[in-house]
Protein backbone atom coordinates (compact mmCIF):
# COMPACT_ATOMS: atom_id res chain seq x y z
CA UNK A 1 0.00 0.00 0.00
CA UNK A 2 1.33 3.42 -0.92
CA UNK A 3 2.69 5.09 2.19
CA UNK A 4 1.91 8.63 1.03
CA UNK A 5 -1.72 8.30 2.12
CA UNK A 6 -1.01 6.95 5.60
CA UNK A 7 -2.74 7.07 8.03
CA UNK A 8 -5.53 7.14 5.46
CA UNK A 9 -6.03 4.77 2.55
CA UNK A 10 -7.77 4.32 -0.77
CA UNK A 11 -8.67 1.12 -2.68
CA UNK A 12 -6.77 2.34 -5.75
CA UNK A 13 -3.54 2.25 -3.70
CA UNK A 14 -3.66 -1.34 -2.47
CA UNK A 15 -1.19 -3.76 -4.04
CA UNK A 16 -3.81 -6.38 -4.96
CA UNK A 17 -7.58 -6.69 -5.25
CA UNK A 18 -9.40 -9.88 -4.30
CA UNK A 19 -12.92 -10.14 -5.67
CA UNK A 20 -15.93 -12.24 -4.85
CA UNK A 21 -17.61 -13.71 -7.93
CA UNK A 22 -21.36 -14.04 -7.54
CA UNK A 23 -22.96 -10.67 -6.83
CA UNK A 24 -19.77 -8.74 -7.55
CA UNK A 25 -18.73 -9.69 -11.09
CA UNK A 26 -21.69 -11.84 -12.15
CA UNK A 27 -25.30 -11.99 -10.98
CA UNK A 28 -26.69 -15.53 -10.96
CA UNK A 29 -29.72 -14.96 -8.71
CA UNK A 30 -29.03 -17.95 -6.48
CA UNK A 31 -31.79 -18.79 -4.00
CA UNK A 32 -30.79 -21.34 -1.36
CA UNK A 33 -34.22 -21.48 0.31
CA UNK A 34 -35.15 -24.91 -1.04
CA UNK A 35 -31.72 -26.35 -0.20
CA UNK A 36 -32.01 -25.08 3.38
CA UNK A 37 -35.50 -26.57 3.63
CA UNK A 38 -34.37 -29.90 2.23
CA UNK A 39 -31.19 -30.36 4.29
CA UNK A 40 -31.52 -28.07 7.32
CA UNK A 41 -35.27 -27.91 8.04
CA UNK A 42 -35.40 -24.36 6.70
CA UNK A 43 -32.82 -23.06 9.17
CA UNK A 44 -30.45 -20.38 7.81
CA UNK A 45 -27.44 -22.65 8.09
CA UNK A 46 -23.93 -21.98 6.80
CA UNK A 47 -24.29 -24.59 4.08
CA UNK A 48 -20.66 -25.50 3.52
CA UNK A 49 -19.46 -25.18 7.11
CA UNK A 50 -22.28 -27.31 8.50
CA UNK A 51 -22.14 -30.00 5.83
CA UNK A 52 -20.11 -32.18 8.22
CA UNK A 53 -23.19 -32.49 10.46
CA UNK A 54 -24.92 -34.51 7.73
CA UNK A 55 -24.33 -38.20 7.16
CA UNK A 56 -22.11 -38.99 4.14
CA UNK A 57 -25.01 -39.77 1.81
CA UNK A 58 -26.90 -36.57 2.60
CA UNK A 59 -23.66 -34.55 2.49
CA UNK A 60 -23.00 -35.82 -1.04
CA UNK A 61 -26.61 -34.98 -1.98
CA UNK A 62 -26.16 -31.46 -0.57
CA UNK A 63 -23.04 -30.83 -2.66
CA UNK A 64 -24.81 -32.13 -5.78
CA UNK A 65 -27.81 -29.88 -5.10
CA UNK A 66 -25.52 -26.87 -4.67
CA UNK A 67 -23.72 -27.68 -7.91
CA UNK A 68 -26.99 -28.03 -9.84
CA UNK A 69 -28.30 -24.72 -8.48
CA UNK A 70 -25.07 -22.90 -9.30
CA UNK A 71 -24.88 -24.33 -12.83
CA UNK A 72 -28.48 -23.25 -13.51
CA UNK A 73 -27.62 -19.81 -12.21
CA UNK A 74 -24.47 -19.64 -14.34
CA UNK A 75 -26.43 -20.43 -17.49
CA UNK A 76 -28.66 -17.43 -16.81
CA UNK A 77 -25.89 -15.18 -15.49
CA UNK A 78 -25.87 -11.44 -16.12
CA UNK A 79 -22.91 -9.09 -15.77
CA UNK A 80 -22.92 -6.74 -12.83
CA UNK A 81 -23.01 -3.17 -14.19
CA UNK A 82 -19.52 -1.72 -13.84
CA UNK A 83 -17.65 -5.00 -14.29
CA UNK A 84 -16.06 -3.98 -17.59
CA UNK A 85 -14.97 -0.64 -16.12
CA UNK A 86 -13.38 -2.47 -13.20
CA UNK A 87 -11.59 -4.94 -15.49
CA UNK A 88 -10.35 -2.05 -17.64
CA UNK A 89 -8.85 -0.35 -14.58
CA UNK A 90 -7.15 -3.57 -13.54
CA UNK A 91 -5.63 -3.95 -17.01
CA UNK A 92 -4.53 -0.32 -17.25
CA UNK A 93 -2.88 -0.23 -13.85
CA UNK A 94 -1.49 -3.76 -13.89
CA UNK A 95 -2.94 -4.34 -10.43
CA UNK A 96 -2.74 -8.02 -9.44
CA UNK A 97 -6.16 -9.51 -8.75
CA UNK A 98 -7.84 -12.76 -7.84
CA UNK A 99 -11.31 -14.25 -7.60
CA UNK A 100 -12.21 -15.97 -4.33
CA UNK A 101 -15.63 -17.61 -4.26
CA UNK A 102 -17.68 -20.15 -2.32
CA UNK A 103 -19.13 -21.37 -5.63
CA UNK A 104 -17.92 -24.42 -7.52
CA UNK A 105 -15.38 -23.90 -10.30
CA UNK A 106 -17.59 -25.44 -12.97
CA UNK A 107 -20.28 -22.81 -12.41
CA UNK A 108 -17.79 -19.93 -12.40
CA UNK A 109 -16.23 -21.16 -15.65
CA UNK A 110 -19.68 -21.46 -17.25
CA UNK A 111 -20.72 -17.94 -16.25
CA UNK A 112 -17.35 -16.45 -17.21
CA UNK A 113 -17.64 -17.93 -20.72
CA UNK A 114 -21.19 -16.67 -21.04
CA UNK A 115 -20.28 -13.15 -19.97
CA UNK A 116 -16.82 -12.98 -21.62
CA UNK A 117 -15.17 -12.22 -18.30
CA UNK A 118 -11.54 -13.38 -18.32
CA UNK A 119 -10.78 -15.18 -15.09
CA UNK A 120 -7.42 -14.38 -13.47
CA UNK A 121 -4.84 -17.15 -12.96
CA UNK A 122 -5.60 -17.03 -9.25
CA UNK A 123 -9.23 -18.13 -9.09
CA UNK A 124 -10.11 -20.00 -5.90
CA UNK A 125 -13.38 -21.86 -5.34
CA UNK A 126 -14.74 -24.15 -2.67
CA UNK A 127 -12.83 -27.04 -4.25
CA UNK A 128 -9.54 -25.31 -3.40
CA UNK A 129 -9.03 -26.50 0.17
CA UNK A 130 -11.36 -27.16 3.06
CA UNK A 131 -11.76 -23.61 4.31
CA UNK A 132 -14.13 -21.38 2.28
CA UNK A 133 -14.82 -17.79 3.23
CA UNK A 134 -15.20 -16.43 5.88
CA UNK A 135 -12.27 -18.61 6.98
CA UNK A 136 -9.21 -16.40 6.36
CA UNK A 137 -7.00 -19.19 5.02
CA UNK A 138 -8.40 -19.05 1.50
CA UNK A 139 -7.76 -15.29 1.41
CA UNK A 140 -4.22 -15.79 2.69
CA UNK A 141 -3.76 -18.41 -0.03
CA UNK A 142 -4.88 -15.92 -2.67
CA UNK A 143 -2.59 -13.18 -1.33
CA UNK A 144 0.35 -15.57 -1.18
CA UNK A 145 -0.30 -16.69 -4.76
CA UNK A 146 -0.17 -13.04 -5.83
CA UNK A 147 2.98 -12.55 -3.72
CA UNK A 148 1.36 -9.70 -1.78
CA UNK A 149 1.08 -9.33 2.00
CA UNK A 150 -2.53 -9.65 3.24
CA UNK A 151 -2.43 -6.18 4.81
CA UNK A 152 -1.69 -4.72 1.34
CA UNK A 153 -4.82 -6.34 -0.17
CA UNK A 154 -8.46 -5.34 -0.30
CA UNK A 155 -11.29 -7.84 -0.61
CA UNK A 156 -14.39 -6.71 -2.51
CA UNK A 157 -17.62 -8.52 -1.72
CA UNK A 158 -21.37 -8.18 -1.50
CA UNK A 159 -22.11 -10.32 1.54
CA UNK A 160 -21.32 -10.42 5.24
CA UNK A 161 -19.10 -13.51 4.83
CA UNK A 162 -16.84 -11.48 2.53
CA UNK A 163 -16.42 -8.72 5.10
CA UNK A 164 -15.86 -11.12 8.00
CA UNK A 165 -13.31 -13.05 5.94
CA UNK A 166 -11.44 -9.87 5.03
CA UNK A 167 -11.37 -8.72 8.66
CA UNK A 168 -10.10 -12.12 9.82
CA UNK A 169 -7.41 -12.11 7.15
CA UNK A 170 -6.17 -8.62 8.04
CA UNK A 171 -7.26 -7.16 4.69
CA UNK A 172 -9.24 -4.08 3.76
CA UNK A 173 -12.95 -4.85 3.35
CA UNK A 174 -15.00 -3.23 0.58
CA UNK A 175 -18.77 -3.75 0.38
CA UNK A 176 -20.54 -3.27 -2.96
CA UNK A 177 -24.03 -3.90 -4.34
CA UNK A 178 -25.63 -4.04 -0.88
CA UNK A 179 -27.23 -1.44 1.35
CA UNK A 180 -27.33 -3.08 4.77
CA UNK A 181 -26.46 -0.76 7.68
CA UNK A 182 -25.88 -3.78 9.93
CA UNK A 183 -22.93 -4.83 7.76
CA UNK A 184 -21.27 -1.41 7.48
CA UNK A 185 -19.27 -1.72 10.75
CA UNK A 186 -17.38 -4.64 9.16
CA UNK A 187 -16.34 -2.64 6.07
CA UNK A 188 -13.65 -0.05 5.47
CA UNK A 189 -15.81 1.54 2.79
CA UNK A 190 -19.23 0.90 1.19
CA UNK A 191 -20.26 1.59 -2.40
CA UNK A 192 -23.92 1.23 -3.46
CA UNK A 193 -22.90 -0.38 -6.76
CA UNK A 194 -19.87 -1.95 -8.40
CA UNK A 195 -20.01 0.87 -10.96
CA UNK A 196 -19.56 3.36 -8.10
CA UNK A 197 -16.54 1.39 -6.91
CA UNK A 198 -15.02 1.28 -10.41
CA UNK A 199 -15.44 5.06 -10.73
CA UNK A 200 -13.86 5.62 -7.32
CA UNK A 201 -10.74 3.74 -8.39
CA UNK A 202 -9.96 6.55 -10.83
CA UNK A 203 -9.78 9.17 -8.09
CA UNK A 204 -7.71 9.18 -4.94
CA UNK A 205 -9.30 10.81 -1.92
CA UNK A 206 -8.13 9.92 1.58
CA UNK A 207 -10.47 7.47 3.29
CA UNK A 208 -10.44 6.72 7.01
CA UNK A 209 -9.41 3.11 7.67
CA UNK A 210 -11.67 0.86 9.69
CA UNK A 211 -9.31 0.80 12.68
CA UNK A 212 -9.29 4.61 13.07
CA UNK A 213 -12.95 5.35 12.35
CA UNK A 214 -14.05 5.97 15.93
CA UNK A 215 -10.91 7.98 16.73
CA UNK A 216 -11.51 10.34 13.80
CA UNK A 217 -15.18 10.71 14.74
CA UNK A 218 -14.21 11.69 18.27
CA UNK A 219 -11.02 13.72 17.74
CA UNK A 220 -10.78 14.51 14.02
CA UNK A 221 -8.51 13.59 11.15
CA UNK A 222 -5.87 16.22 11.96
CA UNK A 223 -5.25 14.62 15.36
CA UNK A 224 -4.83 11.22 13.71
CA UNK A 225 -2.40 12.60 11.12
CA UNK A 226 -0.31 14.35 13.75
CA UNK A 227 -0.07 11.37 16.06
CA UNK A 228 0.47 8.84 13.29
CA UNK A 229 3.59 10.59 12.02
CA UNK A 230 5.03 11.25 15.50
CA UNK A 231 7.56 8.46 16.23
CA UNK A 232 7.57 6.98 19.71
CA UNK A 233 10.63 5.37 21.22
CA UNK A 234 10.01 1.86 22.54
CA UNK A 235 12.08 0.80 25.54
CA UNK A 236 12.06 -2.94 25.96
CA UNK A 237 11.19 -4.38 29.35
CA UNK A 238 11.16 -7.89 30.81
CA UNK A 239 7.36 -7.69 30.89
CA UNK A 240 6.77 -8.09 27.17
CA UNK A 241 3.05 -8.64 27.67
CA UNK A 242 2.76 -5.25 29.36
CA UNK A 243 4.75 -3.66 26.54
CA UNK A 244 2.48 -5.28 23.96
CA UNK A 245 -0.60 -3.87 25.73
CA UNK A 246 0.96 -0.40 25.81
CA UNK A 247 1.93 -0.63 22.15
CA UNK A 248 -1.61 -1.57 21.13
CA UNK A 249 -3.08 1.15 23.33
CA UNK A 250 -0.85 3.76 21.68
CA UNK A 251 -1.78 2.48 18.22
CA UNK A 252 -5.46 2.74 19.14
CA UNK A 253 -4.86 6.43 19.92
CA UNK A 254 -3.52 6.90 16.41
CA UNK A 255 0.25 6.52 16.81
CA UNK A 256 1.74 4.64 13.89
CA UNK A 257 5.53 4.92 14.07
CA UNK A 258 7.45 3.02 16.75
CA UNK A 259 11.23 3.03 17.08
CA UNK A 260 13.50 0.56 18.85
CA UNK A 261 16.84 2.08 19.94
CA UNK A 262 18.74 -1.16 19.35
CA UNK A 263 18.20 -4.49 17.64
CA UNK A 264 17.38 -7.69 19.44
CA UNK A 265 15.60 -11.00 19.09
CA UNK A 266 12.72 -12.63 20.91
CA UNK A 267 14.19 -14.77 23.66
CA UNK A 268 12.46 -17.74 25.31
CA UNK A 269 12.19 -15.73 28.56
CA UNK A 270 10.46 -12.81 26.85
CA UNK A 271 8.19 -15.15 24.90
CA UNK A 272 7.09 -16.86 28.11
CA UNK A 273 6.10 -13.48 29.55
CA UNK A 274 3.68 -12.86 26.66
CA UNK A 275 1.44 -15.92 26.11
CA UNK A 276 -0.37 -14.26 23.22
CA UNK A 277 2.74 -14.42 21.01
CA UNK A 278 2.91 -17.24 18.49
CA UNK A 279 5.92 -19.51 19.14
CA UNK A 280 6.89 -19.16 15.48
CA UNK A 281 8.23 -15.71 16.44
CA UNK A 282 10.86 -17.13 18.80
CA UNK A 283 14.30 -15.92 17.75
CA UNK A 284 12.88 -13.39 15.29
CA UNK A 285 14.04 -9.74 15.29
CA UNK A 286 12.14 -7.72 17.85
CA UNK A 287 10.92 -5.21 15.28
CA UNK A 288 9.23 -8.07 13.42
CA UNK A 289 7.74 -9.39 16.66
CA UNK A 290 6.23 -6.02 17.56
CA UNK A 291 5.05 -5.49 13.98
CA UNK A 292 3.33 -8.89 14.11
CA UNK A 293 1.51 -7.76 17.26
CA UNK A 294 0.26 -4.63 15.53
CA UNK A 295 -0.50 -5.93 12.04
CA UNK A 296 -3.87 -7.68 12.56
CA UNK A 297 -5.53 -4.56 13.98
CA UNK A 298 -3.25 -1.72 12.83
CA UNK A 299 -1.80 -2.74 9.45
CA UNK A 300 -0.51 0.76 8.65
CA UNK A 301 1.64 0.98 11.78
CA UNK A 302 5.38 0.44 11.42
CA UNK A 303 8.23 -0.58 13.75
CA UNK A 304 11.86 0.23 12.95
CA UNK A 305 15.29 0.16 14.55
CA UNK A 306 17.37 3.33 14.76
CA UNK A 307 20.76 3.96 16.38
CA UNK A 308 20.52 4.92 20.03
CA UNK A 309 21.71 8.48 19.44
CA UNK A 310 18.93 9.08 16.90
CA UNK A 311 16.21 8.06 19.36
CA UNK A 312 17.40 10.24 22.25
CA UNK A 313 15.09 13.11 21.33
CA UNK A 314 12.01 11.00 20.60
CA UNK A 315 9.16 10.89 23.11
CA UNK A 316 8.87 7.51 24.77
CA UNK A 317 5.97 5.14 24.47
CA UNK A 318 3.79 5.78 27.54
CA UNK A 319 4.03 2.91 30.00
CA UNK A 320 1.45 2.09 32.59
CA UNK A 321 2.45 1.38 36.15
CA UNK A 322 2.83 -2.35 36.77
CA UNK A 323 -0.03 -4.01 38.58
CA UNK A 324 0.44 -4.57 42.26
CA UNK A 325 0.42 -8.17 43.34
CA UNK A 326 -2.64 -9.26 45.25
CA UNK A 327 -2.09 -9.54 48.97
């Protein structure tokens, strides 16, 4: 993502776009009511995730019913208005993109042929692994295939699962083609139509990221900009868990630049003091460890190492007093 906009962002500046298929690029008018009635007594079940609750014979029948419905929909598919404008922007800018869908590949191929929509090399469907959206793994797979970090991607979808998946994967979440106020808190930005989104890609106005929305509402964008670009010096302490809490608290207030005065690596002793850290970070440089703490919630924040003499004049990360032990 282009740093010049930080702490704001814009979908035209991400390094890759991940797109849902049905409802975003093609409209196939799928209605799962009969399938829910037949297999789940009409309950609004998550069809793929709950398939394991069915016996093998009924599970196979469910997958066949889903395939038949999706193929029928693909044969009557219509392009979403704005799709050609979006594809033109992707071609012109050379922006890497992928399709990530819960549909079967056969149905997507059928609709793509019908609508003359060229599918990208990275097109992932429910056959590609055992974790469809909103599980983040399929989105991580797509980002990895495009050789782009998840935090530099935006996922564009028309359903709550798309937004939840993007949030879980640490990506920007863009909602199109839906006007549901209950879903808006999950999204970084909402566009009434795909055509609106495609038009927006040709401008570049600063948008407030999801993680800073409440801060800007309460204190304003100028406060966020000032804090974000003010580096804070991070003094390491034996209590790494306390430091992690302070780091996240500062990031929540809008600070986005953290400086370590000297390099180091995550030791077993420090790791033990912070149970929330993944053991895969053991032995890694401390700037990467702290960046990994920040990335899921504050993807624009950065951690760097500077020589001690260069950090002497920087304000220090506020530290809370340690808790007193219970008597």
